N, C-alpha and C. Protein backbone atom coordinates (compact mmCIF):
# COMPACT_ATOMS: atom_id res chain seq x y z
N MET A 1 0.27 -1.59 -0.34
CA MET A 1 -0.30 -0.07 -0.13
C MET A 1 1.17 1.34 -0.02
N LYS A 2 0.04 2.18 -0.65
CA LYS A 2 1.69 3.49 -0.78
C LYS A 2 0.35 4.57 -0.74
N LEU A 3 0.87 5.43 -0.29
CA LEU A 3 0.06 6.98 0.61
C LEU A 3 0.96 8.11 0.12
N VAL A 4 0.94 9.15 -0.13
CA VAL A 4 1.13 10.55 -0.03
C VAL A 4 1.25 11.11 1.40
N PHE A 5 2.15 11.39 1.97
CA PHE A 5 1.90 12.40 3.09
C PHE A 5 2.12 13.55 2.61
N ALA A 6 1.06 14.49 2.69
CA ALA A 6 1.62 16.01 2.31
C ALA A 6 2.16 16.35 3.14
N THR A 7 3.01 16.35 3.24
CA THR A 7 4.17 18.01 4.18
C THR A 7 5.31 18.00 3.91
N ASN A 8 5.91 19.29 3.97
CA ASN A 8 7.23 19.30 3.99
C ASN A 8 8.40 18.65 5.65
N ASN A 9 7.67 18.56 6.11
CA ASN A 9 8.11 18.78 7.26
C ASN A 9 8.53 17.27 7.52
N LYS A 10 9.83 16.95 7.36
CA LYS A 10 10.96 15.95 7.51
C LYS A 10 10.34 14.85 9.15
N ASN A 11 10.93 16.04 10.25
CA ASN A 11 10.21 15.07 11.51
C ASN A 11 8.32 14.56 11.65
N LYS A 12 7.63 15.47 10.82
CA LYS A 12 6.47 14.89 10.79
C LYS A 12 6.69 13.39 9.63
N ILE A 13 7.14 13.00 8.49
CA ILE A 13 7.11 12.30 8.06
C ILE A 13 7.79 11.17 8.94
N LYS A 14 9.04 11.48 9.37
CA LYS A 14 9.90 10.11 10.19
C LYS A 14 8.61 9.86 11.53
N GLU A 15 8.43 10.33 11.56
CA GLU A 15 7.09 10.02 13.32
C GLU A 15 6.19 8.87 12.57
N ILE A 16 6.07 9.45 10.83
CA ILE A 16 4.68 8.51 10.36
C ILE A 16 5.09 7.15 10.47
N GLN A 17 6.20 7.04 9.88
CA GLN A 17 6.91 6.22 9.22
C GLN A 17 7.47 5.09 10.22
N SER A 18 7.29 5.81 11.29
CA SER A 18 8.18 5.17 13.08
C SER A 18 6.39 4.48 12.44
N ALA A 19 5.71 5.06 13.49
CA ALA A 19 3.76 4.82 14.16
C ALA A 19 3.79 3.82 12.94
N ILE A 20 3.74 3.55 11.66
CA ILE A 20 2.94 2.91 10.18
C ILE A 20 3.97 1.75 10.59
N LEU A 21 5.14 1.02 11.50
CA LEU A 21 5.69 0.22 11.45
C LEU A 21 5.59 -0.79 10.36
N GLY A 22 6.02 -0.26 8.90
CA GLY A 22 6.03 -0.98 7.84
C GLY A 22 4.62 -1.46 7.28
N LYS A 23 3.55 -0.91 8.10
CA LYS A 23 1.93 -1.62 7.21
C LYS A 23 1.66 -0.88 5.35
N MET A 24 2.47 0.04 5.27
CA MET A 24 2.21 0.49 4.06
C MET A 24 3.48 1.49 4.23
N GLU A 25 3.54 1.86 2.83
CA GLU A 25 5.34 2.78 2.12
C GLU A 25 4.29 4.14 1.77
N ILE A 26 4.74 5.15 2.68
CA ILE A 26 4.60 6.79 2.41
C ILE A 26 5.50 7.47 2.38
N LEU A 27 5.08 7.88 0.58
CA LEU A 27 6.27 8.42 -0.52
C LEU A 27 6.03 10.37 0.62
N SER A 28 7.13 10.74 0.44
CA SER A 28 7.17 12.22 0.88
C SER A 28 6.83 12.99 -0.08
N LEU A 29 6.60 13.84 -0.33
CA LEU A 29 6.58 15.03 -1.48
C LEU A 29 7.61 15.65 -2.55
N ALA A 30 9.08 15.03 -1.61
CA ALA A 30 9.74 15.36 -2.36
C ALA A 30 9.58 14.45 -3.14
N GLU A 31 9.30 12.71 -3.00
CA GLU A 31 9.90 11.74 -4.10
C GLU A 31 8.64 11.49 -4.74
N ILE A 32 7.65 12.75 -4.80
CA ILE A 32 6.36 12.69 -6.44
C ILE A 32 6.68 14.04 -6.84
N GLY A 33 8.39 14.57 -6.59
CA GLY A 33 8.01 15.39 -7.11
C GLY A 33 7.46 16.85 -6.86
N PHE A 34 7.08 16.88 -5.68
CA PHE A 34 6.36 17.75 -5.63
C PHE A 34 7.45 18.88 -4.12
N SER A 35 8.03 20.45 -4.46
CA SER A 35 8.68 20.77 -3.79
C SER A 35 8.09 22.27 -3.24
N GLY A 36 6.49 22.65 -3.89
CA GLY A 36 6.58 24.05 -3.43
C GLY A 36 5.63 23.60 -1.80
N GLU A 37 5.44 25.05 -2.00
CA GLU A 37 4.46 25.72 -0.47
C GLU A 37 3.60 24.99 -0.65
N ILE A 38 2.85 24.24 0.62
CA ILE A 38 0.45 23.81 0.72
C ILE A 38 0.48 24.90 0.27
N PRO A 39 -0.63 25.48 0.44
CA PRO A 39 -1.72 26.56 0.78
C PRO A 39 -1.97 25.69 2.21
N GLU A 40 -2.33 26.87 3.58
CA GLU A 40 -2.61 26.29 4.44
C GLU A 40 -3.03 27.37 5.02
N ASP A 41 -4.94 27.81 4.49
CA ASP A 41 -5.17 29.93 4.99
C ASP A 41 -6.31 29.32 6.01
N TYR A 42 -7.34 27.98 6.45
CA TYR A 42 -7.98 27.97 6.58
C TYR A 42 -8.26 28.19 8.68
N ASP A 43 -9.50 28.75 9.42
CA ASP A 43 -9.36 29.48 10.47
C ASP A 43 -9.55 27.51 11.20
N THR A 44 -9.55 26.05 10.32
CA THR A 44 -10.06 25.29 11.56
C THR A 44 -8.20 24.40 11.16
N LEU A 45 -8.60 23.27 12.11
CA LEU A 45 -7.27 21.77 11.79
C LEU A 45 -8.56 21.32 10.39
N GLU A 46 -9.67 20.88 10.36
CA GLU A 46 -9.87 20.31 9.82
C GLU A 46 -9.66 20.82 7.83
N GLU A 47 -10.10 21.54 8.32
CA GLU A 47 -9.85 22.31 6.68
C GLU A 47 -8.30 22.84 5.85
N ASN A 48 -7.63 23.00 6.80
CA ASN A 48 -6.48 23.12 7.21
C ASN A 48 -6.04 21.17 5.94
N ALA A 49 -6.53 20.67 7.04
CA ALA A 49 -5.80 19.16 6.29
C ALA A 49 -6.17 18.96 5.45
N LEU A 50 -8.02 19.30 4.96
CA LEU A 50 -9.08 19.06 4.10
C LEU A 50 -8.08 19.63 2.73
N GLN A 51 -7.72 20.68 2.53
CA GLN A 51 -6.94 21.74 2.19
C GLN A 51 -5.20 21.20 1.66
N LYS A 52 -4.48 20.85 2.13
CA LYS A 52 -3.14 20.11 2.01
C LYS A 52 -3.38 18.97 1.40
N ALA A 53 -4.73 17.64 1.71
CA ALA A 53 -4.80 16.85 1.00
C ALA A 53 -5.70 16.93 -0.61
N THR A 54 -6.08 18.04 -0.55
CA THR A 54 -6.68 17.77 -1.73
C THR A 54 -5.86 18.64 -2.45
N HIS A 55 -5.05 19.34 -1.99
CA HIS A 55 -4.11 20.47 -3.38
C HIS A 55 -3.13 18.90 -3.73
N ILE A 56 -3.12 17.98 -3.15
CA ILE A 56 -1.75 17.09 -3.68
C ILE A 56 -2.19 16.36 -4.06
N ALA A 57 -3.77 16.36 -3.80
CA ALA A 57 -4.42 14.67 -4.36
C ALA A 57 -4.41 14.95 -6.05
N THR A 58 -5.44 16.25 -6.43
CA THR A 58 -5.83 16.76 -7.18
C THR A 58 -4.35 16.59 -8.60
N ARG A 59 -3.65 17.78 -7.71
CA ARG A 59 -2.33 18.05 -9.08
C ARG A 59 -1.85 16.81 -9.20
N PHE A 60 -1.44 15.57 -7.99
CA PHE A 60 -0.81 14.01 -9.02
C PHE A 60 -1.51 13.06 -9.74
N ASN A 61 -3.07 13.26 -8.75
CA ASN A 61 -3.43 12.35 -9.35
C ASN A 61 -3.59 10.74 -8.22
N VAL A 62 -2.91 11.38 -6.68
CA VAL A 62 -2.66 10.01 -5.83
C VAL A 62 -3.58 10.23 -4.66
N ASN A 63 -3.21 8.83 -4.41
CA ASN A 63 -4.32 9.18 -2.74
C ASN A 63 -3.67 9.49 -2.22
N CYS A 64 -3.73 10.37 -1.01
CA CYS A 64 -2.51 10.68 0.05
C CYS A 64 -3.13 10.82 0.91
N PHE A 65 -2.98 11.58 1.89
CA PHE A 65 -3.09 11.99 3.56
C PHE A 65 -2.70 13.15 3.93
N ALA A 66 -3.50 14.54 4.75
CA ALA A 66 -2.19 15.85 4.76
C ALA A 66 -2.93 16.56 6.92
N ASP A 67 -1.82 15.99 7.70
CA ASP A 67 -2.24 16.68 8.39
C ASP A 67 -2.65 17.65 8.92
N ASP A 68 -2.70 18.40 10.50
CA ASP A 68 -3.02 19.57 10.82
C ASP A 68 -2.81 19.44 12.38
N THR A 69 -2.02 20.26 13.50
CA THR A 69 -1.93 19.95 14.55
C THR A 69 -2.23 21.07 15.35
N GLY A 70 -2.82 21.20 16.50
CA GLY A 70 -3.02 22.44 17.07
C GLY A 70 -2.63 22.66 18.61
N LEU A 71 -1.97 23.12 19.25
CA LEU A 71 -1.85 23.43 20.35
C LEU A 71 -2.50 23.08 21.35
N GLU A 72 -3.81 23.21 22.04
CA GLU A 72 -4.45 24.37 22.49
C GLU A 72 -4.54 25.05 23.99
N ILE A 73 -3.93 25.49 24.17
CA ILE A 73 -3.96 25.61 25.68
C ILE A 73 -5.40 26.39 27.03
N GLU A 74 -5.27 26.33 27.88
CA GLU A 74 -6.86 26.47 28.82
C GLU A 74 -6.65 28.07 28.97
N ALA A 75 -5.51 28.49 29.58
CA ALA A 75 -5.70 29.64 30.36
C ALA A 75 -5.18 30.42 29.15
N LEU A 76 -5.10 30.13 28.11
CA LEU A 76 -5.31 31.29 26.49
C LEU A 76 -5.73 30.82 25.49
N GLN A 77 -7.46 30.64 26.25
CA GLN A 77 -9.07 30.71 25.65
C GLN A 77 -8.57 30.07 24.32
N GLY A 78 -7.88 28.55 24.16
CA GLY A 78 -7.79 27.76 23.44
C GLY A 78 -6.09 28.31 22.30
N ARG A 79 -5.71 29.21 22.64
CA ARG A 79 -4.77 29.28 22.00
C ARG A 79 -3.41 28.44 22.21
N PRO A 80 -2.12 28.47 21.17
CA PRO A 80 -2.56 29.25 19.99
C PRO A 80 -3.10 28.43 18.66
N GLY A 81 -3.66 27.22 19.12
CA GLY A 81 -4.84 26.30 18.22
C GLY A 81 -4.49 26.22 17.53
N VAL A 82 -5.02 26.61 15.71
CA VAL A 82 -4.78 26.76 14.15
C VAL A 82 -4.05 27.12 13.78
N TYR A 83 -3.38 28.11 15.62
CA TYR A 83 -2.33 28.95 14.32
C TYR A 83 -0.39 28.35 15.26
N SER A 84 -0.85 27.36 15.58
CA SER A 84 0.40 26.74 16.77
C SER A 84 1.65 27.01 15.21
N ALA A 85 1.38 26.81 14.00
CA ALA A 85 3.05 27.13 13.84
C ALA A 85 3.84 28.34 13.30
N ARG A 86 2.72 29.35 13.67
CA ARG A 86 3.42 30.55 13.37
C ARG A 86 2.35 31.40 14.15
N TYR A 87 2.77 30.82 15.58
CA TYR A 87 2.51 31.48 16.66
C TYR A 87 2.88 32.85 16.98
N ALA A 88 4.54 33.00 16.76
CA ALA A 88 4.93 34.51 17.18
C ALA A 88 4.95 34.81 15.65
N GLY A 89 3.90 34.67 14.59
CA GLY A 89 4.39 35.46 13.93
C GLY A 89 4.74 34.38 12.45
N SER A 90 4.66 34.96 10.84
CA SER A 90 4.63 33.85 9.88
C SER A 90 5.91 33.26 9.58
N GLN A 91 7.12 33.58 9.85
CA GLN A 91 8.74 33.25 9.99
C GLN A 91 9.16 32.93 11.34
N ALA A 92 8.13 32.34 12.17
CA ALA A 92 8.59 32.38 12.93
C ALA A 92 9.45 30.29 13.50
N SER A 93 10.07 30.45 14.56
CA SER A 93 10.85 29.56 14.59
C SER A 93 10.01 28.60 15.28
N ALA A 94 10.44 27.77 15.71
CA ALA A 94 9.74 26.39 16.93
C ALA A 94 10.54 27.38 18.29
N GLU A 95 11.54 27.48 18.51
CA GLU A 95 12.11 28.33 19.91
C GLU A 95 11.19 29.61 19.63
N ASN A 96 10.84 30.35 19.05
CA ASN A 96 10.12 31.47 19.05
C ASN A 96 8.05 31.81 19.35
N ASN A 97 7.97 29.68 18.98
CA ASN A 97 6.45 30.01 19.45
C ASN A 97 6.41 29.69 20.91
N MET A 98 7.86 28.23 21.10
CA MET A 98 7.76 28.15 22.36
C MET A 98 7.78 29.36 23.74
N GLU A 99 9.33 30.30 23.03
CA GLU A 99 9.19 31.61 23.70
C GLU A 99 8.08 31.78 24.19
N LYS A 100 7.12 32.63 23.09
CA LYS A 100 5.87 32.62 23.45
C LYS A 100 5.07 32.88 24.07
N VAL A 101 4.54 31.51 24.48
CA VAL A 101 3.37 30.57 24.78
C VAL A 101 4.25 30.93 26.43
N LEU A 102 5.55 30.36 26.64
CA LEU A 102 5.87 30.59 28.08
C LEU A 102 6.07 31.94 28.63
N ARG A 103 6.22 32.71 27.71
CA ARG A 103 5.64 34.50 28.07
C ARG A 103 4.46 34.61 29.03
N GLU A 104 3.62 34.23 27.52
CA GLU A 104 1.99 33.99 27.69
C GLU A 104 1.66 33.80 29.50
N LEU A 105 2.26 32.47 29.65
CA LEU A 105 1.64 31.84 31.10
C LEU A 105 2.89 32.28 31.87
N LYS A 106 3.55 32.82 31.80
CA LYS A 106 4.11 33.03 33.20
C LYS A 106 3.45 33.52 34.42
N GLY A 107 3.47 33.15 35.54
CA GLY A 107 3.02 33.15 36.41
C GLY A 107 1.43 32.98 36.69
N GLU A 108 1.29 32.06 35.57
CA GLU A 108 -0.30 31.61 35.03
C GLU A 108 -0.03 29.93 35.67
N SER A 109 -0.96 29.34 37.16
CA SER A 109 -0.97 28.33 37.73
C SER A 109 -1.61 27.55 37.02
N ASN A 110 -2.83 27.88 35.96
CA ASN A 110 -3.51 26.45 35.24
C ASN A 110 -2.46 26.23 33.83
N ARG A 111 -1.85 25.83 34.12
CA ARG A 111 -1.08 25.02 33.41
C ARG A 111 -1.62 24.08 31.83
N LYS A 112 -3.28 24.04 31.72
CA LYS A 112 -3.79 22.61 31.51
C LYS A 112 -4.14 23.25 30.31
N ALA A 113 -3.28 21.81 28.60
CA ALA A 113 -2.87 22.23 27.49
C ALA A 113 -3.77 20.75 26.92
N LEU A 114 -4.34 20.37 25.40
CA LEU A 114 -4.31 19.39 25.12
C LEU A 114 -3.25 19.67 23.93
N PHE A 115 -2.96 19.14 23.04
CA PHE A 115 -2.89 18.43 21.75
C PHE A 115 -3.38 17.63 20.69
N ARG A 116 -4.48 18.44 18.82
CA ARG A 116 -5.06 17.96 18.32
C ARG A 116 -4.52 17.51 17.02
N THR A 117 -4.67 17.15 16.03
CA THR A 117 -4.36 16.56 15.03
C THR A 117 -4.76 16.04 14.35
N VAL A 118 -5.68 16.05 13.13
CA VAL A 118 -6.70 15.95 12.04
C VAL A 118 -5.72 15.45 10.91
N ILE A 119 -6.12 14.21 10.54
CA ILE A 119 -5.74 13.71 9.35
C ILE A 119 -7.37 13.72 8.73
N SER A 120 -6.28 14.22 7.68
CA SER A 120 -8.13 14.25 6.17
C SER A 120 -6.81 13.37 4.99
N LEU A 121 -8.56 12.50 5.36
CA LEU A 121 -7.32 11.08 3.65
C LEU A 121 -8.63 11.44 2.73
N LYS A 122 -7.32 11.92 1.70
CA LYS A 122 -7.94 11.79 -0.09
C LYS A 122 -8.08 9.96 -0.36
N TYR A 123 -8.96 8.80 -0.52
CA TYR A 123 -9.24 7.77 -1.31
C TYR A 123 -9.86 8.20 -1.93
N ASN A 124 -9.43 7.99 -3.36
CA ASN A 124 -10.41 7.32 -3.86
C ASN A 124 -11.60 8.31 -4.08
N GLN A 125 -11.08 9.64 -4.16
CA GLN A 125 -11.58 10.86 -4.30
C GLN A 125 -12.62 10.88 -3.17
N GLN A 126 -12.33 10.45 -2.36
CA GLN A 126 -13.93 10.46 -1.16
C GLN A 126 -12.02 11.16 0.16
N ASP A 127 -13.38 12.02 0.83
CA ASP A 127 -13.07 12.66 2.01
C ASP A 127 -12.49 11.77 3.06
N TYR A 128 -11.65 10.90 4.20
CA TYR A 128 -11.99 10.67 5.38
C TYR A 128 -11.28 11.31 6.28
N PHE A 129 -12.30 11.63 7.84
CA PHE A 129 -10.98 12.28 8.58
C PHE A 129 -10.56 10.91 10.32
N PHE A 130 -9.43 11.77 10.59
CA PHE A 130 -9.31 11.06 11.58
C PHE A 130 -8.81 12.06 12.80
N GLU A 131 -8.63 12.13 13.90
CA GLU A 131 -8.59 12.78 14.86
C GLU A 131 -7.89 12.40 16.26
N GLY A 132 -6.50 12.50 16.71
CA GLY A 132 -5.77 12.06 18.30
C GLY A 132 -6.41 13.52 18.78
N ILE A 133 -6.46 13.01 19.87
CA ILE A 133 -6.12 13.86 21.30
C ILE A 133 -5.42 13.58 22.73
N VAL A 134 -4.38 14.12 23.03
CA VAL A 134 -4.25 13.95 24.20
C VAL A 134 -3.79 15.41 24.66
N GLN A 135 -4.01 14.92 26.47
CA GLN A 135 -3.68 16.17 27.31
C GLN A 135 -2.81 16.48 28.13
N GLY A 136 -3.03 17.68 28.51
CA GLY A 136 -1.32 17.35 29.27
C GLY A 136 -1.20 18.40 29.38
N GLN A 137 -0.01 19.32 29.66
CA GLN A 137 0.49 20.55 30.30
C GLN A 137 1.24 21.01 29.92
N ILE A 138 1.48 22.61 30.22
CA ILE A 138 3.07 23.29 29.98
C ILE A 138 3.58 23.41 30.96
N LEU A 139 4.91 22.36 30.96
CA LEU A 139 5.97 22.86 31.73
C LEU A 139 5.83 24.57 31.75
N GLU A 140 7.21 24.68 32.96
CA GLU A 140 7.64 26.06 33.47
C GLU A 140 8.86 26.80 32.40
N SER A 141 9.61 25.26 31.98
CA SER A 141 10.72 25.59 30.81
C SER A 141 11.11 24.03 29.83
N LYS A 142 11.76 24.51 28.73
CA LYS A 142 11.64 23.76 27.49
C LYS A 142 13.27 22.33 28.56
N THR A 143 12.64 21.15 28.76
CA THR A 143 12.73 20.18 28.43
C THR A 143 13.20 18.85 27.61
N GLY A 144 14.70 18.69 27.05
CA GLY A 144 14.39 16.94 26.37
C GLY A 144 15.36 18.29 25.19
N ASP A 145 15.79 16.80 24.07
CA ASP A 145 16.31 17.07 23.25
C ASP A 145 15.76 16.29 21.53
N GLU A 146 14.12 15.75 21.89
CA GLU A 146 14.05 15.14 20.94
C GLU A 146 13.10 16.01 20.50
N GLY A 147 11.90 15.32 19.41
CA GLY A 147 10.88 15.66 18.58
C GLY A 147 11.37 16.95 18.31
N PHE A 148 9.50 18.13 17.91
CA PHE A 148 9.80 19.05 17.46
C PHE A 148 8.81 19.99 17.91
N GLY A 149 9.02 21.04 17.35
CA GLY A 149 7.82 22.08 17.70
C GLY A 149 7.66 22.43 19.24
N TYR A 150 6.35 22.06 19.87
CA TYR A 150 5.97 22.46 21.33
C TYR A 150 6.58 20.71 22.14
N ASP A 151 7.42 20.37 21.83
CA ASP A 151 7.42 19.03 22.58
C ASP A 151 7.93 19.38 23.69
N PRO A 152 9.25 20.23 24.16
CA PRO A 152 9.85 20.46 25.35
C PRO A 152 9.17 20.72 26.23
N ILE A 153 8.30 21.86 26.00
CA ILE A 153 6.86 22.49 26.91
C ILE A 153 6.08 21.42 27.01
N PHE A 154 5.75 20.73 26.98
CA PHE A 154 4.73 20.01 26.80
C PHE A 154 4.68 18.67 27.22
N GLN A 155 3.70 18.33 28.18
CA GLN A 155 4.64 17.12 29.28
C GLN A 155 2.96 16.26 29.68
N PRO A 156 2.91 15.17 28.99
CA PRO A 156 1.25 14.79 28.20
C PRO A 156 0.41 14.42 30.53
N ASP A 157 -0.46 14.02 30.38
CA ASP A 157 -0.92 13.51 31.83
C ASP A 157 -0.46 11.68 31.76
N GLY A 158 0.12 11.76 33.36
CA GLY A 158 0.50 10.27 33.16
C GLY A 158 1.96 9.76 33.55
N PHE A 159 2.89 11.32 33.33
CA PHE A 159 3.61 10.92 32.79
C PHE A 159 5.00 11.96 33.10
N CYS A 160 5.86 11.52 33.44
CA CYS A 160 7.15 12.83 34.16
C CYS A 160 7.57 13.38 33.16
N GLN A 161 8.04 12.87 31.99
CA GLN A 161 8.75 13.43 30.89
C GLN A 161 8.24 14.00 29.92
N SER A 162 8.39 15.04 29.29
CA SER A 162 7.80 16.01 28.35
C SER A 162 8.05 14.84 26.97
N PHE A 163 6.83 15.73 25.82
CA PHE A 163 7.19 14.80 25.11
C PHE A 163 8.78 15.18 24.63
N ALA A 164 9.35 15.40 23.83
CA ALA A 164 10.82 16.09 24.05
C ALA A 164 11.82 14.70 24.51
N GLU A 165 11.20 14.38 25.71
CA GLU A 165 12.25 13.37 26.70
C GLU A 165 12.00 12.36 26.15
N MET A 166 11.45 12.11 24.88
CA MET A 166 10.35 10.30 25.16
C MET A 166 11.48 10.37 22.87
N SER A 167 11.17 9.06 23.03
CA SER A 167 12.08 8.26 21.92
C SER A 167 10.71 8.99 21.20
N ILE A 168 10.67 8.46 19.53
CA ILE A 168 9.64 8.60 18.62
C ILE A 168 8.48 7.13 19.20
N ALA A 169 9.11 5.97 19.08
CA ALA A 169 8.10 4.83 19.40
C ALA A 169 7.54 4.72 20.84
N GLN A 170 7.94 5.53 21.98
CA GLN A 170 7.19 5.80 23.31
C GLN A 170 6.49 7.06 22.77
N LYS A 171 6.84 7.86 21.94
CA LYS A 171 5.91 9.45 21.53
C LYS A 171 4.51 9.03 20.87
N ASN A 172 4.89 8.29 20.49
CA ASN A 172 3.92 7.52 19.13
C ASN A 172 2.52 6.32 19.82
N LYS A 173 3.21 5.80 20.46
CA LYS A 173 1.95 5.30 21.94
C LYS A 173 0.87 6.07 22.27
N ILE A 174 1.15 7.27 22.56
CA ILE A 174 -0.10 8.12 23.01
C ILE A 174 0.21 9.65 22.67
N SER A 175 0.26 10.25 21.08
CA SER A 175 0.55 11.13 21.28
C SER A 175 -0.48 11.28 20.28
N HIS A 176 -0.67 12.70 20.00
CA HIS A 176 -2.23 13.00 19.40
C HIS A 176 -1.79 12.95 17.91
N ARG A 177 -0.85 12.60 17.46
CA ARG A 177 0.15 12.57 15.94
C ARG A 177 -0.72 10.66 15.89
N GLY A 178 -0.02 10.52 16.20
CA GLY A 178 -0.07 8.94 16.79
C GLY A 178 -1.12 8.36 17.25
N LEU A 179 -2.11 8.80 17.84
CA LEU A 179 -3.50 8.25 18.04
C LEU A 179 -4.16 7.97 16.21
N ALA A 180 -3.96 9.39 15.61
CA ALA A 180 -4.82 9.73 14.40
C ALA A 180 -4.19 9.12 13.13
N VAL A 181 -2.76 8.79 13.78
CA VAL A 181 -2.69 7.63 12.53
C VAL A 181 -3.08 5.74 12.92
N LYS A 182 -3.05 5.61 13.89
CA LYS A 182 -3.60 4.89 14.85
C LYS A 182 -5.25 4.47 13.41
N ARG A 183 -5.72 5.11 14.29
CA ARG A 183 -7.26 5.31 13.22
C ARG A 183 -6.64 5.63 12.15
N LEU A 184 -6.51 6.29 10.90
CA LEU A 184 -5.72 5.88 9.75
C LEU A 184 -5.99 4.28 9.36
N VAL A 185 -4.95 3.94 9.57
CA VAL A 185 -4.68 2.44 9.79
C VAL A 185 -5.25 1.74 9.62
N GLN A 186 -6.09 1.41 11.24
CA GLN A 186 -6.89 1.11 10.85
C GLN A 186 -8.19 0.84 10.01
N PHE A 187 -8.43 2.51 9.94
CA PHE A 187 -9.51 1.68 8.78
C PHE A 187 -9.17 1.37 7.39
N LEU A 188 -7.87 2.30 6.84
CA LEU A 188 -7.24 1.05 5.21
C LEU A 188 -7.14 -0.24 6.03
N GLU A 189 -6.94 -0.37 7.05
CA GLU A 189 -6.70 -2.43 6.98
C GLU A 189 -8.36 -2.81 6.71
N ASP A 190 -9.12 -2.05 7.86
CA ASP A 190 -10.55 -2.32 7.65
C ASP A 190 -11.17 -2.40 6.35
N GLU A 191 -11.72 -1.44 5.88
CA GLU A 191 -12.04 -0.57 5.14
C GLU A 191 -11.62 -0.86 3.51
N ILE A 192 -10.67 -1.53 2.99
CA ILE A 192 -10.23 -1.16 2.16
C ILE A 192 -9.45 -2.29 1.90
N THR A 193 -9.56 -3.63 2.43
CA THR A 193 -8.89 -4.52 2.44
C THR A 193 -8.78 -4.83 1.03
N GLY A 194 -7.81 -5.67 0.49
CA GLY A 194 -7.80 -6.28 -1.04
C GLY A 194 -7.89 -5.68 -1.83
N SER A 195 -7.80 -3.97 -1.96
CA SER A 195 -8.18 -2.93 -2.58
C SER A 195 -6.67 -2.44 -2.37
N PRO A 196 -5.75 -2.75 -2.98
CA PRO A 196 -4.10 -1.99 -2.65
C PRO A 196 -4.14 -0.10 -3.20
N VAL A 197 -4.34 0.39 -2.48
CA VAL A 197 -3.86 1.84 -2.56
C VAL A 197 -3.10 2.29 -3.28
N GLN A 198 -2.74 2.91 -4.45
CA GLN A 198 -2.20 3.05 -5.67
C GLN A 198 -1.05 4.40 -5.52
């Protein structure tokens, strides 16, 4: 089974490939000859994921999926949410985004947050959605060197490590993206048995 993952984020591709454990072949945008930017200008995770998946599926006539992820912080009324990747500005780095969150939460006792991933799958011109959510807390400072994005300041409930202190395999078992991917894979196994993804 082959699917294109509509992302330019190498860290996401690495995570997805680890989560899928060889159950299907994931092709990157580079592998299908796409090197540009994908539009992502809606106000919900669902719309952005669908926009990205549709852009690639239509242009290359392939089955593909895309994801969009948001960090939602209770004390910030759900921010940064859909704007997580560009919270500190359109050219902001992950460090810039984390620093802004930590500044805004300085002195705040309520550190509750959740990560939410929505995957949009375009399969045979049909749309399917899969969601994964993990609850946790925003730490007072960055810790750990693994992962990417907000991983160094997010500690999932029930654990004493940040996502950035976990291996990819550990993180995939409990993370928002890992849960959404599991639902994607289960769907493909259950619903499309005997009909290989081209």
